[in-house]
Structure formats: structure tokens, C-alpha cells
Full PDB file with SEQRES, HELIX, SHEET, SSBOND, CRYST1, ORIGX, SCALE, CONECT and MASTER records, all heavy atoms in Angstrom:
SEQRES   1 A   39  TYR SER THR SER ASP GLY TYR ASP ALA SER ARG ILE LEU          
SEQRES   2 A   39  LEU THR ASP VAL LEU SER GLU TRP ALA ASP LEU LEU PRO          
SEQRES   3 A   39  GLY ASN LEU VAL LEU GLY ILE PRO ASN ARG ASP PHE LEU          
HELIX    1 AA1 ALA A    9  LEU A   13  5                                   5    
HELIX    2 AA2 THR A   15  ALA A   22  1                                   8    
CRYST1    1.000    1.000    1.000  90.00  90.00  90.00 P 1           1          
ORIGX1      1.000000  0.000000  0.000000        0.00000                         
ORIGX2      0.000000  1.000000  0.000000        0.00000                         
ORIGX3      0.000000  0.000000  1.000000        0.00000                         
SCALE1      1.000000  0.000000  0.000000        0.00000                         
SCALE2      0.000000  1.000000  0.000000        0.00000                         
SCALE3      0.000000  0.000000  1.000000        0.00000                         
ATOM      1  N   TYR A   1      -6.058 -14.760   7.311  1.00  0.00           N  
ATOM      2  CA  TYR A   1      -4.623 -14.684   7.276  1.00  0.00           C  
ATOM      3  C   TYR A   1      -4.067 -15.974   7.661  1.00  0.00           C  
ATOM      4  O   TYR A   1      -4.264 -16.530   8.788  1.00  0.00           O  
ATOM      5  CB  TYR A   1      -4.133 -13.614   8.259  1.00  0.00           C  
ATOM      6  CG  TYR A   1      -4.530 -12.203   7.827  1.00  0.00           C  
ATOM      7  CD1 TYR A   1      -5.598 -11.466   8.432  1.00  0.00           C  
ATOM      8  CD2 TYR A   1      -3.763 -11.561   6.839  1.00  0.00           C  
ATOM      9  CE1 TYR A   1      -5.927 -10.169   8.018  1.00  0.00           C  
ATOM     10  CE2 TYR A   1      -4.080 -10.214   6.490  1.00  0.00           C  
ATOM     11  CZ  TYR A   1      -5.130  -9.588   7.053  1.00  0.00           C  
ATOM     12  OH  TYR A   1      -5.487  -8.341   6.660  1.00  0.00           O  
ATOM     13  N   SER A   2      -3.383 -16.614   6.696  1.00  0.00           N  
ATOM     14  CA  SER A   2      -2.736 -17.893   6.886  1.00  0.00           C  
ATOM     15  C   SER A   2      -1.397 -17.934   6.104  1.00  0.00           C  
ATOM     16  O   SER A   2      -1.233 -18.771   5.212  1.00  0.00           O  
ATOM     17  CB  SER A   2      -3.640 -18.991   6.482  1.00  0.00           C  
ATOM     18  OG  SER A   2      -3.075 -20.301   6.716  1.00  0.00           O  
ATOM     19  N   THR A   3      -0.482 -17.024   6.522  1.00  0.00           N  
ATOM     20  CA  THR A   3       0.785 -16.908   5.745  1.00  0.00           C  
ATOM     21  C   THR A   3       1.843 -17.777   6.280  1.00  0.00           C  
ATOM     22  O   THR A   3       2.877 -17.906   5.600  1.00  0.00           O  
ATOM     23  CB  THR A   3       1.268 -15.390   5.866  1.00  0.00           C  
ATOM     24  OG1 THR A   3       1.604 -15.136   7.170  1.00  0.00           O  
ATOM     25  CG2 THR A   3       0.085 -14.455   5.398  1.00  0.00           C  
ATOM     26  N   SER A   4       1.638 -18.375   7.473  1.00  0.00           N  
ATOM     27  CA  SER A   4       2.694 -19.142   8.165  1.00  0.00           C  
ATOM     28  C   SER A   4       3.968 -18.395   8.396  1.00  0.00           C  
ATOM     29  O   SER A   4       5.073 -18.979   8.439  1.00  0.00           O  
ATOM     30  CB  SER A   4       2.957 -20.380   7.247  1.00  0.00           C  
ATOM     31  OG  SER A   4       1.892 -21.216   7.173  1.00  0.00           O  
ATOM     32  N   ASP A   5       3.808 -17.083   8.526  1.00  0.00           N  
ATOM     33  CA  ASP A   5       5.056 -16.261   8.884  1.00  0.00           C  
ATOM     34  C   ASP A   5       5.206 -16.202  10.456  1.00  0.00           C  
ATOM     35  O   ASP A   5       6.139 -15.537  10.899  1.00  0.00           O  
ATOM     36  CB  ASP A   5       4.987 -14.844   8.326  1.00  0.00           C  
ATOM     37  CG  ASP A   5       3.779 -14.028   8.811  1.00  0.00           C  
ATOM     38  OD1 ASP A   5       2.991 -14.528   9.643  1.00  0.00           O  
ATOM     39  OD2 ASP A   5       3.634 -12.864   8.451  1.00  0.00           O  
ATOM     40  N   GLY A   6       4.293 -16.833  11.243  1.00  0.00           N  
ATOM     41  CA  GLY A   6       4.406 -16.855  12.649  1.00  0.00           C  
ATOM     42  C   GLY A   6       3.572 -15.802  13.352  1.00  0.00           C  
ATOM     43  O   GLY A   6       3.420 -15.790  14.552  1.00  0.00           O  
ATOM     44  N   TYR A   7       2.979 -14.897  12.521  1.00  0.00           N  
ATOM     45  CA  TYR A   7       2.270 -13.690  13.128  1.00  0.00           C  
ATOM     46  C   TYR A   7       0.828 -13.615  12.698  1.00  0.00           C  
ATOM     47  O   TYR A   7       0.141 -12.587  12.899  1.00  0.00           O  
ATOM     48  CB  TYR A   7       3.016 -12.380  12.730  1.00  0.00           C  
ATOM     49  CG  TYR A   7       4.500 -12.475  13.025  1.00  0.00           C  
ATOM     50  CD1 TYR A   7       5.391 -12.545  11.997  1.00  0.00           C  
ATOM     51  CD2 TYR A   7       4.921 -12.517  14.348  1.00  0.00           C  
ATOM     52  CE1 TYR A   7       6.794 -12.639  12.301  1.00  0.00           C  
ATOM     53  CE2 TYR A   7       6.313 -12.598  14.628  1.00  0.00           C  
ATOM     54  CZ  TYR A   7       7.181 -12.644  13.609  1.00  0.00           C  
ATOM     55  OH  TYR A   7       8.610 -12.719  13.853  1.00  0.00           O  
ATOM     56  N   ASP A   8       0.271 -14.681  12.111  1.00  0.00           N  
ATOM     57  CA  ASP A   8      -1.133 -14.636  11.652  1.00  0.00           C  
ATOM     58  C   ASP A   8      -2.105 -14.363  12.790  1.00  0.00           C  
ATOM     59  O   ASP A   8      -2.960 -13.426  12.693  1.00  0.00           O  
ATOM     60  CB  ASP A   8      -1.493 -15.914  10.880  1.00  0.00           C  
ATOM     61  CG  ASP A   8      -0.762 -16.005   9.577  1.00  0.00           C  
ATOM     62  OD1 ASP A   8      -0.794 -15.014   8.831  1.00  0.00           O  
ATOM     63  OD2 ASP A   8      -0.187 -17.062   9.317  1.00  0.00           O  
ATOM     64  N   ALA A   9      -2.073 -15.091  13.846  1.00  0.00           N  
ATOM     65  CA  ALA A   9      -2.985 -14.839  14.985  1.00  0.00           C  
ATOM     66  C   ALA A   9      -2.737 -13.465  15.602  1.00  0.00           C  
ATOM     67  O   ALA A   9      -3.705 -12.812  16.022  1.00  0.00           O  
ATOM     68  CB  ALA A   9      -2.746 -15.848  16.058  1.00  0.00           C  
ATOM     69  N   SER A  10      -1.502 -12.987  15.610  1.00  0.00           N  
ATOM     70  CA  SER A  10      -1.183 -11.731  16.149  1.00  0.00           C  
ATOM     71  C   SER A  10      -1.766 -10.535  15.386  1.00  0.00           C  
ATOM     72  O   SER A  10      -1.924  -9.402  15.884  1.00  0.00           O  
ATOM     73  CB  SER A  10       0.352 -11.491  16.271  1.00  0.00           C  
ATOM     74  OG  SER A  10       1.019 -12.556  16.988  1.00  0.00           O  
ATOM     75  N   ARG A  11      -2.257 -10.792  14.201  1.00  0.00           N  
ATOM     76  CA  ARG A  11      -2.880  -9.769  13.396  1.00  0.00           C  
ATOM     77  C   ARG A  11      -4.213  -9.339  13.971  1.00  0.00           C  
ATOM     78  O   ARG A  11      -4.788  -8.276  13.535  1.00  0.00           O  
ATOM     79  CB  ARG A  11      -2.973 -10.206  11.974  1.00  0.00           C  
ATOM     80  CG  ARG A  11      -1.688 -10.261  11.306  1.00  0.00           C  
ATOM     81  CD  ARG A  11      -1.733 -10.716   9.769  1.00  0.00           C  
ATOM     82  NE  ARG A  11      -0.433 -10.408   9.102  1.00  0.00           N  
ATOM     83  CZ  ARG A  11       0.600 -11.247   9.058  1.00  0.00           C  
ATOM     84  NH1 ARG A  11       0.415 -12.441   9.511  1.00  0.00           N  
ATOM     85  NH2 ARG A  11       1.706 -10.884   8.485  1.00  0.00           N  
ATOM     86  N   ILE A  12      -4.682  -9.994  15.016  1.00  0.00           N  
ATOM     87  CA  ILE A  12      -5.936  -9.655  15.614  1.00  0.00           C  
ATOM     88  C   ILE A  12      -5.645  -8.274  16.388  1.00  0.00           C  
ATOM     89  O   ILE A  12      -6.649  -7.531  16.714  1.00  0.00           O  
ATOM     90  CB  ILE A  12      -6.441 -10.697  16.635  1.00  0.00           C  
ATOM     91  CG1 ILE A  12      -7.914 -10.465  17.045  1.00  0.00           C  
ATOM     92  CG2 ILE A  12      -5.572 -10.768  17.846  1.00  0.00           C  
ATOM     93  CD1 ILE A  12      -8.460 -11.594  17.786  1.00  0.00           C  
ATOM     94  N   LEU A  13      -4.420  -7.937  16.644  1.00  0.00           N  
ATOM     95  CA  LEU A  13      -4.083  -6.716  17.263  1.00  0.00           C  
ATOM     96  C   LEU A  13      -4.256  -5.555  16.378  1.00  0.00           C  
ATOM     97  O   LEU A  13      -4.244  -4.361  16.823  1.00  0.00           O  
ATOM     98  CB  LEU A  13      -2.652  -6.712  17.773  1.00  0.00           C  
ATOM     99  CG  LEU A  13      -2.311  -7.890  18.741  1.00  0.00           C  
ATOM    100  CD1 LEU A  13      -0.840  -7.859  19.095  1.00  0.00           C  
ATOM    101  CD2 LEU A  13      -3.108  -7.735  20.066  1.00  0.00           C  
ATOM    102  N   LEU A  14      -4.337  -5.741  15.091  1.00  0.00           N  
ATOM    103  CA  LEU A  14      -4.432  -4.627  14.108  1.00  0.00           C  
ATOM    104  C   LEU A  14      -5.905  -4.306  13.908  1.00  0.00           C  
ATOM    105  O   LEU A  14      -6.499  -4.448  12.912  1.00  0.00           O  
ATOM    106  CB  LEU A  14      -3.855  -5.050  12.763  1.00  0.00           C  
ATOM    107  CG  LEU A  14      -2.440  -5.567  12.859  1.00  0.00           C  
ATOM    108  CD1 LEU A  14      -1.904  -6.021  11.423  1.00  0.00           C  
ATOM    109  CD2 LEU A  14      -1.441  -4.403  13.284  1.00  0.00           C  
ATOM    110  N   THR A  15      -6.436  -3.596  14.967  1.00  0.00           N  
ATOM    111  CA  THR A  15      -7.899  -3.332  14.893  1.00  0.00           C  
ATOM    112  C   THR A  15      -8.235  -2.319  13.837  1.00  0.00           C  
ATOM    113  O   THR A  15      -9.354  -2.395  13.293  1.00  0.00           O  
ATOM    114  CB  THR A  15      -8.274  -2.713  16.257  1.00  0.00           C  
ATOM    115  OG1 THR A  15      -7.494  -1.546  16.572  1.00  0.00           O  
ATOM    116  CG2 THR A  15      -8.142  -3.746  17.423  1.00  0.00           C  
ATOM    117  N   ASP A  16      -7.380  -1.448  13.452  1.00  0.00           N  
ATOM    118  CA  ASP A  16      -7.639  -0.528  12.319  1.00  0.00           C  
ATOM    119  C   ASP A  16      -7.761  -1.205  10.999  1.00  0.00           C  
ATOM    120  O   ASP A  16      -8.759  -1.025  10.218  1.00  0.00           O  
ATOM    121  CB  ASP A  16      -6.578   0.548  12.256  1.00  0.00           C  
ATOM    122  CG  ASP A  16      -5.177  -0.056  12.124  1.00  0.00           C  
ATOM    123  OD1 ASP A  16      -4.913  -1.192  12.548  1.00  0.00           O  
ATOM    124  OD2 ASP A  16      -4.283   0.660  11.524  1.00  0.00           O  
ATOM    125  N   VAL A  17      -6.901  -2.256  10.749  1.00  0.00           N  
ATOM    126  CA  VAL A  17      -6.997  -3.124   9.533  1.00  0.00           C  
ATOM    127  C   VAL A  17      -8.300  -3.927   9.598  1.00  0.00           C  
ATOM    128  O   VAL A  17      -9.027  -3.975   8.599  1.00  0.00           O  
ATOM    129  CB  VAL A  17      -5.778  -3.950   9.405  1.00  0.00           C  
ATOM    130  CG1 VAL A  17      -5.911  -4.846   8.216  1.00  0.00           C  
ATOM    131  CG2 VAL A  17      -4.499  -3.083   9.239  1.00  0.00           C  
ATOM    132  N   LEU A  18      -8.593  -4.576  10.670  1.00  0.00           N  
ATOM    133  CA  LEU A  18      -9.697  -5.456  10.802  1.00  0.00           C  
ATOM    134  C   LEU A  18     -11.027  -4.696  10.726  1.00  0.00           C  
ATOM    135  O   LEU A  18     -12.018  -5.185  10.224  1.00  0.00           O  
ATOM    136  CB  LEU A  18      -9.648  -6.237  12.105  1.00  0.00           C  
ATOM    137  CG  LEU A  18      -8.420  -7.169  12.226  1.00  0.00           C  
ATOM    138  CD1 LEU A  18      -8.476  -7.892  13.603  1.00  0.00           C  
ATOM    139  CD2 LEU A  18      -8.309  -8.138  11.125  1.00  0.00           C  
ATOM    140  N   SER A  19     -11.036  -3.425  11.193  1.00  0.00           N  
ATOM    141  CA  SER A  19     -12.245  -2.648  11.102  1.00  0.00           C  
ATOM    142  C   SER A  19     -12.645  -2.273   9.626  1.00  0.00           C  
ATOM    143  O   SER A  19     -13.820  -2.237   9.358  1.00  0.00           O  
ATOM    144  CB  SER A  19     -12.028  -1.312  11.837  1.00  0.00           C  
ATOM    145  OG  SER A  19     -11.951  -1.643  13.281  1.00  0.00           O  
ATOM    146  N   GLU A  20     -11.632  -2.298   8.841  1.00  0.00           N  
ATOM    147  CA  GLU A  20     -11.901  -2.062   7.376  1.00  0.00           C  
ATOM    148  C   GLU A  20     -12.636  -3.263   6.793  1.00  0.00           C  
ATOM    149  O   GLU A  20     -13.580  -3.167   5.936  1.00  0.00           O  
ATOM    150  CB  GLU A  20     -10.651  -1.803   6.612  1.00  0.00           C  
ATOM    151  CG  GLU A  20     -10.011  -0.474   7.007  1.00  0.00           C  
ATOM    152  CD  GLU A  20      -8.730  -0.161   6.207  1.00  0.00           C  
ATOM    153  OE1 GLU A  20      -8.389  -1.077   5.374  1.00  0.00           O  
ATOM    154  OE2 GLU A  20      -8.103   0.764   6.492  1.00  0.00           O  
ATOM    155  N   TRP A  21     -12.231  -4.502   7.272  1.00  0.00           N  
ATOM    156  CA  TRP A  21     -12.966  -5.716   6.826  1.00  0.00           C  
ATOM    157  C   TRP A  21     -14.389  -5.736   7.411  1.00  0.00           C  
ATOM    158  O   TRP A  21     -15.299  -6.107   6.728  1.00  0.00           O  
ATOM    159  CB  TRP A  21     -12.159  -6.955   7.339  1.00  0.00           C  
ATOM    160  CG  TRP A  21     -10.912  -7.168   6.624  1.00  0.00           C  
ATOM    161  CD1 TRP A  21      -9.667  -7.148   7.188  1.00  0.00           C  
ATOM    162  CD2 TRP A  21     -10.696  -7.516   5.299  1.00  0.00           C  
ATOM    163  NE1 TRP A  21      -8.675  -7.472   6.279  1.00  0.00           N  
ATOM    164  CE2 TRP A  21      -9.342  -7.687   5.025  1.00  0.00           C  
ATOM    165  CE3 TRP A  21     -11.556  -7.721   4.208  1.00  0.00           C  
ATOM    166  CZ2 TRP A  21      -8.769  -8.054   3.826  1.00  0.00           C  
ATOM    167  CZ3 TRP A  21     -10.983  -8.129   2.953  1.00  0.00           C  
ATOM    168  CH2 TRP A  21      -9.639  -8.232   2.783  1.00  0.00           C  
ATOM    169  N   ALA A  22     -14.521  -5.247   8.623  1.00  0.00           N  
ATOM    170  CA  ALA A  22     -15.864  -5.263   9.279  1.00  0.00           C  
ATOM    171  C   ALA A  22     -16.830  -4.411   8.453  1.00  0.00           C  
ATOM    172  O   ALA A  22     -18.006  -4.713   8.429  1.00  0.00           O  
ATOM    173  CB  ALA A  22     -15.720  -4.700  10.665  1.00  0.00           C  
ATOM    174  N   ASP A  23     -16.336  -3.325   7.849  1.00  0.00           N  
ATOM    175  CA  ASP A  23     -17.209  -2.450   7.124  1.00  0.00           C  
ATOM    176  C   ASP A  23     -17.773  -3.113   5.942  1.00  0.00           C  
ATOM    177  O   ASP A  23     -18.789  -2.638   5.328  1.00  0.00           O  
ATOM    178  CB  ASP A  23     -16.458  -1.191   6.707  1.00  0.00           C  
ATOM    179  CG  ASP A  23     -16.032  -0.305   7.888  1.00  0.00           C  
ATOM    180  OD1 ASP A  23     -16.704  -0.420   8.909  1.00  0.00           O  
ATOM    181  OD2 ASP A  23     -15.148   0.499   7.663  1.00  0.00           O  
ATOM    182  N   LEU A  24     -17.162  -4.201   5.413  1.00  0.00           N  
ATOM    183  CA  LEU A  24     -17.605  -4.978   4.245  1.00  0.00           C  
ATOM    184  C   LEU A  24     -18.691  -6.017   4.583  1.00  0.00           C  
ATOM    185  O   LEU A  24     -19.266  -6.569   3.670  1.00  0.00           O  
ATOM    186  CB  LEU A  24     -16.517  -5.600   3.553  1.00  0.00           C  
ATOM    187  CG  LEU A  24     -15.304  -4.611   3.082  1.00  0.00           C  
ATOM    188  CD1 LEU A  24     -14.214  -5.432   2.421  1.00  0.00           C  
ATOM    189  CD2 LEU A  24     -15.858  -3.566   2.045  1.00  0.00           C  
ATOM    190  N   LEU A  25     -18.885  -6.305   5.910  1.00  0.00           N  
ATOM    191  CA  LEU A  25     -19.700  -7.422   6.287  1.00  0.00           C  
ATOM    192  C   LEU A  25     -21.116  -6.910   6.836  1.00  0.00           C  
ATOM    193  O   LEU A  25     -21.092  -5.935   7.526  1.00  0.00           O  
ATOM    194  CB  LEU A  25     -19.023  -8.229   7.329  1.00  0.00           C  
ATOM    195  CG  LEU A  25     -17.716  -8.845   6.997  1.00  0.00           C  
ATOM    196  CD1 LEU A  25     -17.059  -9.487   8.296  1.00  0.00           C  
ATOM    197  CD2 LEU A  25     -17.861  -9.907   5.918  1.00  0.00           C  
ATOM    198  N   PRO A  26     -22.102  -7.749   6.628  1.00  0.00           N  
ATOM    199  CA  PRO A  26     -23.375  -7.482   7.276  1.00  0.00           C  
ATOM    200  C   PRO A  26     -23.292  -7.973   8.713  1.00  0.00           C  
ATOM    201  O   PRO A  26     -22.510  -8.799   9.082  1.00  0.00           O  
ATOM    202  CB  PRO A  26     -24.405  -8.224   6.506  1.00  0.00           C  
ATOM    203  CG  PRO A  26     -23.616  -9.366   5.970  1.00  0.00           C  
ATOM    204  CD  PRO A  26     -22.256  -8.741   5.660  1.00  0.00           C  
ATOM    205  N   GLY A  27     -24.024  -7.408   9.678  1.00  0.00           N  
ATOM    206  CA  GLY A  27     -23.992  -7.844  11.035  1.00  0.00           C  
ATOM    207  C   GLY A  27     -22.631  -7.442  11.699  1.00  0.00           C  
ATOM    208  O   GLY A  27     -22.027  -6.463  11.352  1.00  0.00           O  
ATOM    209  N   ASN A  28     -22.187  -8.237  12.716  1.00  0.00           N  
ATOM    210  CA  ASN A  28     -20.985  -7.923  13.418  1.00  0.00           C  
ATOM    211  C   ASN A  28     -19.787  -8.775  12.860  1.00  0.00           C  
ATOM    212  O   ASN A  28     -20.013  -9.890  12.375  1.00  0.00           O  
ATOM    213  CB  ASN A  28     -21.164  -8.316  14.870  1.00  0.00           C  
ATOM    214  CG  ASN A  28     -22.187  -7.422  15.549  1.00  0.00           C  
ATOM    215  OD1 ASN A  28     -22.142  -6.217  15.480  1.00  0.00           O  
ATOM    216  ND2 ASN A  28     -23.217  -8.089  16.138  1.00  0.00           N  
ATOM    217  N   LEU A  29     -18.632  -8.258  12.975  1.00  0.00           N  
ATOM    218  CA  LEU A  29     -17.419  -8.953  12.630  1.00  0.00           C  
ATOM    219  C   LEU A  29     -17.091  -9.964  13.772  1.00  0.00           C  
ATOM    220  O   LEU A  29     -17.130  -9.617  14.922  1.00  0.00           O  
ATOM    221  CB  LEU A  29     -16.185  -8.039  12.435  1.00  0.00           C  
ATOM    222  CG  LEU A  29     -14.832  -8.627  12.407  1.00  0.00           C  
ATOM    223  CD1 LEU A  29     -14.759  -9.462  11.107  1.00  0.00           C  
ATOM    224  CD2 LEU A  29     -13.763  -7.565  12.520  1.00  0.00           C  
ATOM    225  N   VAL A  30     -16.855 -11.221  13.416  1.00  0.00           N  
ATOM    226  CA  VAL A  30     -16.463 -12.236  14.374  1.00  0.00           C  
ATOM    227  C   VAL A  30     -15.042 -12.804  13.930  1.00  0.00           C  
ATOM    228  O   VAL A  30     -14.796 -12.928  12.729  1.00  0.00           O  
ATOM    229  CB  VAL A  30     -17.488 -13.406  14.453  1.00  0.00           C  
ATOM    230  CG1 VAL A  30     -16.973 -14.456  15.486  1.00  0.00           C  
ATOM    231  CG2 VAL A  30     -18.853 -12.894  14.704  1.00  0.00           C  
ATOM    232  N   LEU A  31     -14.148 -12.987  14.845  1.00  0.00           N  
ATOM    233  CA  LEU A  31     -12.836 -13.366  14.608  1.00  0.00           C  
ATOM    234  C   LEU A  31     -12.483 -14.677  15.343  1.00  0.00           C  
ATOM    235  O   LEU A  31     -12.975 -14.920  16.495  1.00  0.00           O  
ATOM    236  CB  LEU A  31     -11.757 -12.252  15.007  1.00  0.00           C  
ATOM    237  CG  LEU A  31     -11.971 -10.960  14.263  1.00  0.00           C  
ATOM    238  CD1 LEU A  31     -11.284  -9.872  15.092  1.00  0.00           C  
ATOM    239  CD2 LEU A  31     -11.471 -10.982  12.862  1.00  0.00           C  
ATOM    240  N   GLY A  32     -11.598 -15.497  14.754  1.00  0.00           N  
ATOM    241  CA  GLY A  32     -11.090 -16.643  15.372  1.00  0.00           C  
ATOM    242  C   GLY A  32      -9.588 -16.796  15.232  1.00  0.00           C  
ATOM    243  O   GLY A  32      -9.075 -16.499  14.050  1.00  0.00           O  
ATOM    244  N   ILE A  33      -8.888 -17.178  16.270  1.00  0.00           N  
ATOM    245  CA  ILE A  33      -7.445 -17.388  16.178  1.00  0.00           C  
ATOM    246  C   ILE A  33      -7.162 -18.754  16.823  1.00  0.00           C  
ATOM    247  O   ILE A  33      -6.611 -18.884  17.893  1.00  0.00           O  
ATOM    248  CB  ILE A  33      -6.592 -16.246  16.787  1.00  0.00           C  
ATOM    249  CG1 ILE A  33      -7.141 -15.900  18.184  1.00  0.00           C  
ATOM    250  CG2 ILE A  33      -6.572 -15.125  15.928  1.00  0.00           C  
ATOM    251  CD1 ILE A  33      -6.197 -14.983  19.010  1.00  0.00           C  
ATOM    252  N   PRO A  34      -7.516 -19.827  16.147  1.00  0.00           N  
ATOM    253  CA  PRO A  34      -7.389 -21.188  16.791  1.00  0.00           C  
ATOM    254  C   PRO A  34      -5.958 -21.598  17.028  1.00  0.00           C  
ATOM    255  O   PRO A  34      -5.650 -22.368  17.965  1.00  0.00           O  
ATOM    256  CB  PRO A  34      -8.083 -22.129  15.819  1.00  0.00           C  
ATOM    257  CG  PRO A  34      -8.003 -21.401  14.511  1.00  0.00           C  
ATOM    258  CD  PRO A  34      -8.173 -19.975  14.882  1.00  0.00           C  
ATOM    259  N   ASN A  35      -5.026 -21.118  16.215  1.00  0.00           N  
ATOM    260  CA  ASN A  35      -3.585 -21.406  16.476  1.00  0.00           C  
ATOM    261  C   ASN A  35      -2.758 -20.186  15.893  1.00  0.00           C  
ATOM    262  O   ASN A  35      -3.302 -19.265  15.302  1.00  0.00           O  
ATOM    263  CB  ASN A  35      -3.173 -22.734  15.873  1.00  0.00           C  
ATOM    264  CG  ASN A  35      -2.989 -22.577  14.367  1.00  0.00           C  
ATOM    265  OD1 ASN A  35      -3.579 -21.855  13.590  1.00  0.00           O  
ATOM    266  ND2 ASN A  35      -2.064 -23.410  13.826  1.00  0.00           N  
ATOM    267  N   ARG A  36      -1.490 -20.356  16.136  1.00  0.00           N  
ATOM    268  CA  ARG A  36      -0.614 -19.230  15.812  1.00  0.00           C  
ATOM    269  C   ARG A  36      -0.717 -18.816  14.363  1.00  0.00           C  
ATOM    270  O   ARG A  36      -0.519 -17.617  14.003  1.00  0.00           O  
ATOM    271  CB  ARG A  36       0.860 -19.625  16.101  1.00  0.00           C  
ATOM    272  CG  ARG A  36       1.907 -18.601  15.967  1.00  0.00           C  
ATOM    273  CD  ARG A  36       3.272 -19.206  15.949  1.00  0.00           C  
ATOM    274  NE  ARG A  36       3.458 -20.109  14.782  1.00  0.00           N  
ATOM    275  CZ  ARG A  36       4.520 -20.904  14.509  1.00  0.00           C  
ATOM    276  NH1 ARG A  36       5.544 -20.861  15.400  1.00  0.00           N  
ATOM    277  NH2 ARG A  36       4.597 -21.611  13.508  1.00  0.00           N  
ATOM    278  N   ASP A  37      -0.887 -19.753  13.468  1.00  0.00           N  
ATOM    279  CA  ASP A  37      -0.748 -19.512  12.012  1.00  0.00           C  
ATOM    280  C   ASP A  37      -2.157 -19.432  11.292  1.00  0.00           C  
ATOM    281  O   ASP A  37      -2.209 -19.707  10.134  1.00  0.00           O  
ATOM    282  CB  ASP A  37       0.034 -20.609  11.370  1.00  0.00           C  
ATOM    283  CG  ASP A  37       1.489 -20.707  11.945  1.00  0.00           C  
ATOM    284  OD1 ASP A  37       2.083 -19.577  12.022  1.00  0.00           O  
ATOM    285  OD2 ASP A  37       1.958 -21.804  12.234  1.00  0.00           O  
ATOM    286  N   PHE A  38      -3.137 -18.814  11.999  1.00  0.00           N  
ATOM    287  CA  PHE A  38      -4.443 -18.710  11.401  1.00  0.00           C  
ATOM    288  C   PHE A  38      -5.313 -17.629  12.078  1.00  0.00           C  
ATOM    289  O   PHE A  38      -5.399 -17.641  13.227  1.00  0.00           O  
ATOM    290  CB  PHE A  38      -5.177 -20.045  11.407  1.00  0.00           C  
ATOM    291  CG  PHE A  38      -6.329 -20.190  10.453  1.00  0.00           C  
ATOM    292  CD1 PHE A  38      -6.107 -20.427   9.137  1.00  0.00           C  
ATOM    293  CD2 PHE A  38      -7.606 -19.972  10.868  1.00  0.00           C  
ATOM    294  CE1 PHE A  38      -7.181 -20.571   8.231  1.00  0.00           C  
ATOM    295  CE2 PHE A  38      -8.673 -20.084   9.965  1.00  0.00           C  
ATOM    296  CZ  PHE A  38      -8.497 -20.441   8.766  1.00  0.00           C  
ATOM    297  N   LEU A  39      -5.861 -16.748  11.248  1.00  0.00           N  
ATOM    298  CA  LEU A  39      -6.819 -15.779  11.686  1.00  0.00           C  
ATOM    299  C   LEU A  39      -8.001 -15.759  10.648  1.00  0.00           C  
ATOM    300  O   LEU A  39      -7.615 -15.671   9.505  1.00  0.00           O  
ATOM    301  CB  LEU A  39      -6.214 -14.419  11.861  1.00  0.00           C  
ATOM    302  CG  LEU A  39      -7.272 -13.311  12.374  1.00  0.00           C  
ATOM    303  CD1 LEU A  39      -6.444 -12.223  13.180  1.00  0.00           C  
ATOM    304  CD2 LEU A  39      -8.035 -12.687  11.218  1.00  0.00           C  
TER     305      LEU A  39                                                      
MASTER        0    0    0    2    0    0    0    6  304    1    0    3          
END                                                                             
């Protein structure tokens, strides 16, 4: 997520949405939010 709407890092709070991504990955889901505009 890199939309530059100011809320990209905050999308880490959407665990239901992110869990859907996790189902597509082997192993464990890992997340990074280095700055406000990137997840």
C-alpha cells in the first residue's frame, strides 16, 4: 500500500484485510511500515 493518502501505514490495523493476503502466502505473513506512506 503506497497511495500517499496519509493512511498507508495505518492499514496495518486492518487485520481482517491483511489476513486475506496472508492466506495467499507460504510461511508467515511479515509486514513493514517504515514510514507513514508505505506498508
